[in-house]
Amino acid sequence: MIFEHKLRVRYAETDRMGYCYYGNFAAFFEVARVEALRELGITYRKLEDDGVILPVLDYQIKYFKPAFYDEELRIETIIERVKGARIFFSYKTYNEKNEQLNQATTTLVFVDFHTKKPMIPPADLVEVLSKATNISS
């Protein structure tokens, strides 16, 4: 299942050349990831209220083309799998011409807020992810 999120490159996110600063993509992917989970009825707020946090363990990206000021970007997010205490995401970013700008992956870890130790994801979350994405832990 591919989740799509659109956003526009703001002036403050560009450098002197009008290019979107490369470091902004980590934040863009976070927004896309949060919205993908929200589409499944899973919110970070609810997870955190239930004592589950999701820090990023790994982030990798490969750039093909730059994004520019005022371009609308489309980020495709895929929840690849849940394995143990980890959840794996992949992303592709496209510009208005449907040119692929980059591709990336993140690995997040389910962590107990109180103990700060990795934990198995809540069963209800795994069930929702399994039904919606055909993945399993």
N, C-alpha and C. Protein backbone atom coordinates (compact mmCIF):
# COMPACT_ATOMS: atom_id res chain seq x y z
N MET A 1 0.85 -1.18 0.00
CA MET A 1 0.00 0.00 0.00
C MET A 1 0.90 1.24 0.00
N ILE A 2 0.65 2.12 -0.94
CA ILE A 2 1.43 3.36 -1.05
C ILE A 2 0.59 4.51 -0.51
N PHE A 3 1.15 5.24 0.41
CA PHE A 3 0.52 6.43 0.96
C PHE A 3 1.16 7.64 0.30
N GLU A 4 0.34 8.63 -0.06
CA GLU A 4 0.87 9.84 -0.70
C GLU A 4 0.60 11.05 0.18
N HIS A 5 1.61 11.91 0.23
CA HIS A 5 1.48 13.18 0.95
C HIS A 5 2.11 14.26 0.08
N LYS A 6 1.42 15.39 -0.03
CA LYS A 6 1.94 16.50 -0.83
C LYS A 6 2.30 17.66 0.09
N LEU A 7 3.38 18.34 -0.27
CA LEU A 7 3.77 19.55 0.44
C LEU A 7 4.50 20.47 -0.53
N ARG A 8 4.54 21.73 -0.19
CA ARG A 8 5.19 22.73 -1.04
C ARG A 8 6.47 23.21 -0.37
N VAL A 9 7.53 23.34 -1.15
CA VAL A 9 8.81 23.82 -0.62
C VAL A 9 8.66 25.30 -0.30
N ARG A 10 8.86 25.63 0.97
CA ARG A 10 8.74 27.01 1.42
C ARG A 10 10.07 27.75 1.23
N TYR A 11 10.00 29.05 1.15
CA TYR A 11 11.19 29.88 0.94
C TYR A 11 12.24 29.61 2.03
N ALA A 12 11.80 29.48 3.27
CA ALA A 12 12.72 29.26 4.39
C ALA A 12 13.44 27.91 4.30
N GLU A 13 12.96 27.01 3.44
CA GLU A 13 13.56 25.68 3.29
C GLU A 13 14.55 25.62 2.13
N THR A 14 14.86 26.80 1.54
CA THR A 14 15.77 26.83 0.41
C THR A 14 17.08 27.51 0.75
N ASP A 15 18.07 27.23 -0.09
CA ASP A 15 19.36 27.90 0.06
C ASP A 15 19.44 29.07 -0.93
N ARG A 16 20.57 29.68 -1.04
CA ARG A 16 20.74 30.85 -1.89
C ARG A 16 20.46 30.56 -3.37
N MET A 17 20.62 29.31 -3.77
CA MET A 17 20.39 28.93 -5.16
C MET A 17 18.91 28.64 -5.44
N GLY A 18 18.09 28.68 -4.39
CA GLY A 18 16.68 28.36 -4.56
C GLY A 18 16.39 26.87 -4.45
N TYR A 19 17.44 26.08 -4.17
CA TYR A 19 17.28 24.64 -3.98
C TYR A 19 16.73 24.38 -2.57
N CYS A 20 15.90 23.37 -2.47
CA CYS A 20 15.48 22.92 -1.15
C CYS A 20 16.69 22.31 -0.46
N TYR A 21 17.01 22.80 0.72
CA TYR A 21 18.16 22.29 1.48
C TYR A 21 17.97 20.81 1.74
N TYR A 22 18.99 20.03 1.45
CA TYR A 22 18.88 18.57 1.51
C TYR A 22 18.46 18.04 2.88
N GLY A 23 18.85 18.70 3.94
CA GLY A 23 18.52 18.25 5.28
C GLY A 23 17.03 18.32 5.61
N ASN A 24 16.28 19.10 4.85
CA ASN A 24 14.84 19.21 5.11
C ASN A 24 14.08 17.92 4.81
N PHE A 25 14.67 17.06 3.99
CA PHE A 25 13.93 15.87 3.61
C PHE A 25 13.65 14.94 4.79
N ALA A 26 14.51 14.92 5.78
CA ALA A 26 14.23 14.10 6.97
C ALA A 26 12.92 14.55 7.61
N ALA A 27 12.71 15.86 7.70
CA ALA A 27 11.46 16.38 8.27
C ALA A 27 10.28 16.10 7.34
N PHE A 28 10.49 16.22 6.03
CA PHE A 28 9.42 15.92 5.07
C PHE A 28 8.97 14.47 5.21
N PHE A 29 9.94 13.57 5.36
CA PHE A 29 9.61 12.15 5.48
C PHE A 29 8.89 11.87 6.81
N GLU A 30 9.26 12.60 7.84
CA GLU A 30 8.56 12.43 9.11
C GLU A 30 7.09 12.80 8.96
N VAL A 31 6.82 13.91 8.30
CA VAL A 31 5.44 14.32 8.07
C VAL A 31 4.70 13.26 7.26
N ALA A 32 5.32 12.77 6.20
CA ALA A 32 4.69 11.76 5.34
C ALA A 32 4.43 10.47 6.12
N ARG A 33 5.38 10.09 6.97
CA ARG A 33 5.25 8.87 7.79
C ARG A 33 4.10 9.01 8.79
N VAL A 34 4.04 10.13 9.46
CA VAL A 34 2.98 10.39 10.44
C VAL A 34 1.61 10.37 9.75
N GLU A 35 1.53 10.98 8.58
CA GLU A 35 0.26 11.02 7.86
C GLU A 35 -0.14 9.65 7.31
N ALA A 36 0.85 8.84 6.91
CA ALA A 36 0.55 7.47 6.46
C ALA A 36 -0.06 6.68 7.60
N LEU A 37 0.53 6.77 8.77
CA LEU A 37 -0.02 6.06 9.94
C LEU A 37 -1.40 6.60 10.31
N ARG A 38 -1.56 7.92 10.18
CA ARG A 38 -2.86 8.54 10.50
C ARG A 38 -3.95 7.99 9.58
N GLU A 39 -3.61 7.76 8.30
CA GLU A 39 -4.59 7.19 7.36
C GLU A 39 -5.05 5.81 7.81
N LEU A 40 -4.22 5.13 8.58
CA LEU A 40 -4.58 3.81 9.11
C LEU A 40 -5.26 3.90 10.47
N GLY A 41 -5.43 5.14 10.97
CA GLY A 41 -6.07 5.32 12.26
C GLY A 41 -5.10 5.26 13.43
N ILE A 42 -3.81 5.34 13.13
CA ILE A 42 -2.76 5.29 14.16
C ILE A 42 -2.15 6.68 14.27
N THR A 43 -2.21 7.27 15.47
CA THR A 43 -1.61 8.59 15.64
C THR A 43 -0.44 8.52 16.62
N TYR A 44 0.56 9.33 16.35
CA TYR A 44 1.70 9.41 17.26
C TYR A 44 1.23 9.83 18.66
N ARG A 45 0.27 10.75 18.70
CA ARG A 45 -0.23 11.22 20.00
C ARG A 45 -0.78 10.06 20.82
N LYS A 46 -1.59 9.21 20.19
CA LYS A 46 -2.16 8.06 20.90
C LYS A 46 -1.06 7.09 21.32
N LEU A 47 -0.11 6.82 20.43
CA LEU A 47 1.01 5.94 20.79
C LEU A 47 1.75 6.49 22.00
N GLU A 48 2.07 7.79 21.95
CA GLU A 48 2.81 8.41 23.05
C GLU A 48 1.98 8.42 24.33
N ASP A 49 0.68 8.69 24.22
CA ASP A 49 -0.19 8.66 25.40
C ASP A 49 -0.22 7.26 26.00
N ASP A 50 -0.05 6.23 25.16
CA ASP A 50 -0.02 4.84 25.62
C ASP A 50 1.38 4.39 26.04
N GLY A 51 2.35 5.32 26.05
CA GLY A 51 3.69 5.00 26.52
C GLY A 51 4.63 4.42 25.48
N VAL A 52 4.29 4.59 24.21
CA VAL A 52 5.13 4.07 23.13
C VAL A 52 5.72 5.24 22.36
N ILE A 53 7.04 5.24 22.20
CA ILE A 53 7.69 6.25 21.37
C ILE A 53 8.41 5.54 20.23
N LEU A 54 8.67 6.28 19.16
CA LEU A 54 9.25 5.70 17.95
C LEU A 54 10.46 6.51 17.47
N PRO A 55 11.60 6.37 18.13
CA PRO A 55 12.78 7.07 17.64
C PRO A 55 13.32 6.43 16.36
N VAL A 56 13.99 7.25 15.56
CA VAL A 56 14.60 6.77 14.32
C VAL A 56 15.93 6.10 14.65
N LEU A 57 16.09 4.89 14.15
CA LEU A 57 17.34 4.14 14.32
C LEU A 57 18.26 4.35 13.13
N ASP A 58 17.67 4.43 11.94
CA ASP A 58 18.47 4.50 10.72
C ASP A 58 17.73 5.35 9.69
N TYR A 59 18.48 6.16 8.94
CA TYR A 59 17.93 6.99 7.88
C TYR A 59 18.93 7.00 6.75
N GLN A 60 18.47 6.61 5.56
CA GLN A 60 19.33 6.62 4.39
C GLN A 60 18.58 7.27 3.24
N ILE A 61 19.32 8.05 2.44
CA ILE A 61 18.70 8.73 1.31
C ILE A 61 19.67 8.80 0.14
N LYS A 62 19.12 8.75 -1.04
CA LYS A 62 19.89 8.95 -2.26
C LYS A 62 19.17 10.02 -3.07
N TYR A 63 19.93 11.05 -3.47
CA TYR A 63 19.37 12.18 -4.21
C TYR A 63 19.64 12.01 -5.70
N PHE A 64 18.62 12.33 -6.51
CA PHE A 64 18.77 12.29 -7.96
C PHE A 64 18.70 13.68 -8.58
N LYS A 65 17.77 14.51 -8.09
CA LYS A 65 17.57 15.87 -8.59
C LYS A 65 17.18 16.77 -7.42
N PRO A 66 17.42 18.06 -7.54
CA PRO A 66 17.01 18.96 -6.46
C PRO A 66 15.53 19.32 -6.54
N ALA A 67 15.00 19.72 -5.41
CA ALA A 67 13.67 20.34 -5.35
C ALA A 67 13.91 21.84 -5.23
N PHE A 68 12.98 22.63 -5.73
CA PHE A 68 13.14 24.07 -5.76
C PHE A 68 12.04 24.78 -4.99
N TYR A 69 12.33 26.04 -4.65
CA TYR A 69 11.35 26.88 -3.97
C TYR A 69 10.02 26.85 -4.71
N ASP A 70 8.95 26.72 -3.97
CA ASP A 70 7.55 26.79 -4.39
C ASP A 70 7.10 25.58 -5.20
N GLU A 71 7.94 24.56 -5.36
CA GLU A 71 7.49 23.34 -6.02
C GLU A 71 6.62 22.53 -5.07
N GLU A 72 5.58 21.94 -5.64
CA GLU A 72 4.79 20.99 -4.86
C GLU A 72 5.43 19.62 -5.01
N LEU A 73 5.74 19.01 -3.89
CA LEU A 73 6.35 17.68 -3.88
C LEU A 73 5.32 16.64 -3.47
N ARG A 74 5.46 15.47 -4.05
CA ARG A 74 4.62 14.33 -3.69
C ARG A 74 5.53 13.26 -3.12
N ILE A 75 5.26 12.89 -1.89
CA ILE A 75 6.06 11.87 -1.22
C ILE A 75 5.24 10.60 -1.11
N GLU A 76 5.77 9.54 -1.69
CA GLU A 76 5.15 8.23 -1.57
C GLU A 76 5.81 7.50 -0.41
N THR A 77 5.02 7.00 0.49
CA THR A 77 5.52 6.29 1.66
C THR A 77 4.96 4.87 1.66
N ILE A 78 5.84 3.92 1.91
CA ILE A 78 5.43 2.53 2.04
C ILE A 78 5.90 2.02 3.40
N ILE A 79 4.99 1.39 4.13
CA ILE A 79 5.38 0.70 5.36
C ILE A 79 5.81 -0.69 4.90
N GLU A 80 7.11 -0.91 4.91
CA GLU A 80 7.67 -2.14 4.34
C GLU A 80 7.40 -3.37 5.21
N ARG A 81 7.69 -3.23 6.50
CA ARG A 81 7.49 -4.37 7.39
C ARG A 81 7.68 -3.95 8.84
N VAL A 82 7.17 -4.82 9.71
CA VAL A 82 7.42 -4.71 11.15
C VAL A 82 8.15 -6.00 11.51
N LYS A 83 9.29 -5.86 12.16
CA LYS A 83 10.06 -7.04 12.56
C LYS A 83 10.55 -6.82 13.98
N GLY A 84 10.05 -7.62 14.89
CA GLY A 84 10.41 -7.44 16.30
C GLY A 84 9.98 -6.07 16.76
N ALA A 85 10.93 -5.31 17.29
CA ALA A 85 10.65 -3.97 17.80
C ALA A 85 10.83 -2.88 16.74
N ARG A 86 11.07 -3.28 15.49
CA ARG A 86 11.37 -2.30 14.44
C ARG A 86 10.27 -2.22 13.39
N ILE A 87 10.13 -1.01 12.84
CA ILE A 87 9.23 -0.78 11.72
C ILE A 87 10.04 -0.07 10.63
N PHE A 88 9.87 -0.55 9.41
CA PHE A 88 10.68 -0.09 8.28
C PHE A 88 9.80 0.65 7.26
N PHE A 89 10.25 1.83 6.86
CA PHE A 89 9.54 2.65 5.88
C PHE A 89 10.44 2.93 4.68
N SER A 90 9.82 3.10 3.51
CA SER A 90 10.56 3.59 2.35
C SER A 90 9.79 4.76 1.76
N TYR A 91 10.52 5.64 1.07
CA TYR A 91 9.95 6.88 0.53
C TYR A 91 10.51 7.15 -0.86
N LYS A 92 9.69 7.79 -1.68
CA LYS A 92 10.13 8.35 -2.95
C LYS A 92 9.51 9.72 -3.06
N THR A 93 10.31 10.69 -3.49
CA THR A 93 9.82 12.06 -3.65
C THR A 93 9.80 12.41 -5.13
N TYR A 94 8.68 13.01 -5.56
CA TYR A 94 8.51 13.42 -6.95
C TYR A 94 8.16 14.90 -7.00
N ASN A 95 8.59 15.58 -8.08
CA ASN A 95 8.23 16.98 -8.27
C ASN A 95 6.96 17.07 -9.10
N GLU A 96 6.58 18.30 -9.47
CA GLU A 96 5.35 18.52 -10.23
C GLU A 96 5.40 17.91 -11.63
N LYS A 97 6.61 17.67 -12.14
CA LYS A 97 6.76 17.05 -13.47
C LYS A 97 6.81 15.53 -13.37
N ASN A 98 6.55 15.03 -12.17
CA ASN A 98 6.59 13.59 -11.87
C ASN A 98 8.00 13.00 -12.03
N GLU A 99 9.01 13.84 -11.83
CA GLU A 99 10.40 13.38 -11.85
C GLU A 99 10.76 12.93 -10.44
N GLN A 100 11.39 11.78 -10.32
CA GLN A 100 11.79 11.31 -8.99
C GLN A 100 13.01 12.09 -8.54
N LEU A 101 12.91 12.70 -7.37
CA LEU A 101 13.99 13.52 -6.83
C LEU A 101 14.92 12.73 -5.92
N ASN A 102 14.36 11.77 -5.19
CA ASN A 102 15.17 10.99 -4.26
C ASN A 102 14.43 9.73 -3.85
N GLN A 103 15.13 8.89 -3.14
CA GLN A 103 14.50 7.74 -2.48
C GLN A 103 15.19 7.56 -1.15
N ALA A 104 14.43 7.08 -0.17
CA ALA A 104 14.98 6.99 1.18
C ALA A 104 14.34 5.86 1.96
N THR A 105 14.98 5.51 3.05
CA THR A 105 14.43 4.54 3.99
C THR A 105 14.66 5.03 5.41
N THR A 106 13.77 4.64 6.29
CA THR A 106 13.98 4.86 7.72
C THR A 106 13.60 3.58 8.45
N THR A 107 14.30 3.36 9.54
CA THR A 107 13.96 2.29 10.47
C THR A 107 13.69 2.96 11.81
N LEU A 108 12.53 2.68 12.38
CA LEU A 108 12.18 3.21 13.69
C LEU A 108 12.05 2.06 14.66
N VAL A 109 12.22 2.36 15.94
CA VAL A 109 12.15 1.34 16.97
C VAL A 109 11.03 1.68 17.95
N PHE A 110 10.19 0.69 18.23
CA PHE A 110 9.17 0.85 19.27
C PHE A 110 9.89 0.81 20.62
N VAL A 111 9.74 1.88 21.39
CA VAL A 111 10.43 2.01 22.68
C VAL A 111 9.42 2.34 23.76
N ASP A 112 9.55 1.68 24.90
CA ASP A 112 8.73 1.97 26.06
C ASP A 112 9.16 3.32 26.63
N PHE A 113 8.23 4.25 26.72
CA PHE A 113 8.54 5.60 27.18
C PHE A 113 9.17 5.61 28.56
N HIS A 114 8.71 4.75 29.44
CA HIS A 114 9.15 4.78 30.83
C HIS A 114 10.51 4.10 31.02
N THR A 115 10.71 2.96 30.39
CA THR A 115 11.97 2.23 30.57
C THR A 115 13.04 2.64 29.57
N LYS A 116 12.59 3.27 28.47
CA LYS A 116 13.48 3.67 27.36
C LYS A 116 14.12 2.46 26.69
N LYS A 117 13.47 1.31 26.77
CA LYS A 117 13.98 0.09 26.15
C LYS A 117 13.08 -0.34 25.01
N PRO A 118 13.67 -0.99 23.99
CA PRO A 118 12.85 -1.48 22.88
C PRO A 118 11.77 -2.43 23.39
N MET A 119 10.65 -2.41 22.67
CA MET A 119 9.51 -3.23 23.06
C MET A 119 8.84 -3.79 21.80
N ILE A 120 8.13 -4.85 21.97
CA ILE A 120 7.30 -5.39 20.90
C ILE A 120 6.16 -4.40 20.68
N PRO A 121 5.81 -4.09 19.44
CA PRO A 121 4.71 -3.13 19.22
C PRO A 121 3.39 -3.66 19.77
N PRO A 122 2.51 -2.75 20.16
CA PRO A 122 1.21 -3.17 20.68
C PRO A 122 0.48 -4.05 19.65
N ALA A 123 -0.20 -5.07 20.15
CA ALA A 123 -0.89 -6.04 19.28
C ALA A 123 -1.91 -5.37 18.38
N ASP A 124 -2.64 -4.38 18.90
CA ASP A 124 -3.65 -3.72 18.06
C ASP A 124 -3.01 -2.97 16.91
N LEU A 125 -1.85 -2.40 17.13
CA LEU A 125 -1.13 -1.70 16.07
C LEU A 125 -0.66 -2.69 15.00
N VAL A 126 -0.11 -3.82 15.42
CA VAL A 126 0.34 -4.85 14.49
C VAL A 126 -0.84 -5.36 13.67
N GLU A 127 -1.98 -5.51 14.32
CA GLU A 127 -3.17 -5.98 13.62
C GLU A 127 -3.60 -4.99 12.53
N VAL A 128 -3.63 -3.71 12.86
CA VAL A 128 -4.01 -2.68 11.89
C VAL A 128 -3.02 -2.67 10.72
N LEU A 129 -1.73 -2.71 11.03
CA LEU A 129 -0.71 -2.71 9.98
C LEU A 129 -0.81 -3.95 9.11
N SER A 130 -1.05 -5.08 9.73
CA SER A 130 -1.16 -6.34 8.98
C SER A 130 -2.34 -6.32 8.01
N LYS A 131 -3.48 -5.84 8.48
CA LYS A 131 -4.68 -5.79 7.63
C LYS A 131 -4.51 -4.81 6.47
N ALA A 132 -3.90 -3.66 6.77
CA ALA A 132 -3.83 -2.61 5.76
C ALA A 132 -2.69 -2.77 4.77
N THR A 133 -1.64 -3.45 5.20
CA THR A 133 -0.45 -3.47 4.36
C THR A 133 0.06 -4.86 4.01
N ASN A 134 -0.58 -5.88 4.53
CA ASN A 134 -0.14 -7.26 4.29
C ASN A 134 1.27 -7.54 4.81
N ILE A 135 1.62 -6.88 5.91
CA ILE A 135 2.91 -7.12 6.54
C ILE A 135 2.66 -7.80 7.87
N SER A 136 3.67 -8.44 8.39
CA SER A 136 3.54 -9.03 9.72
C SER A 136 4.87 -8.95 10.42
N SER A 137 4.83 -9.09 11.73
CA SER A 137 6.07 -9.01 12.50
C SER A 137 6.75 -10.34 12.57
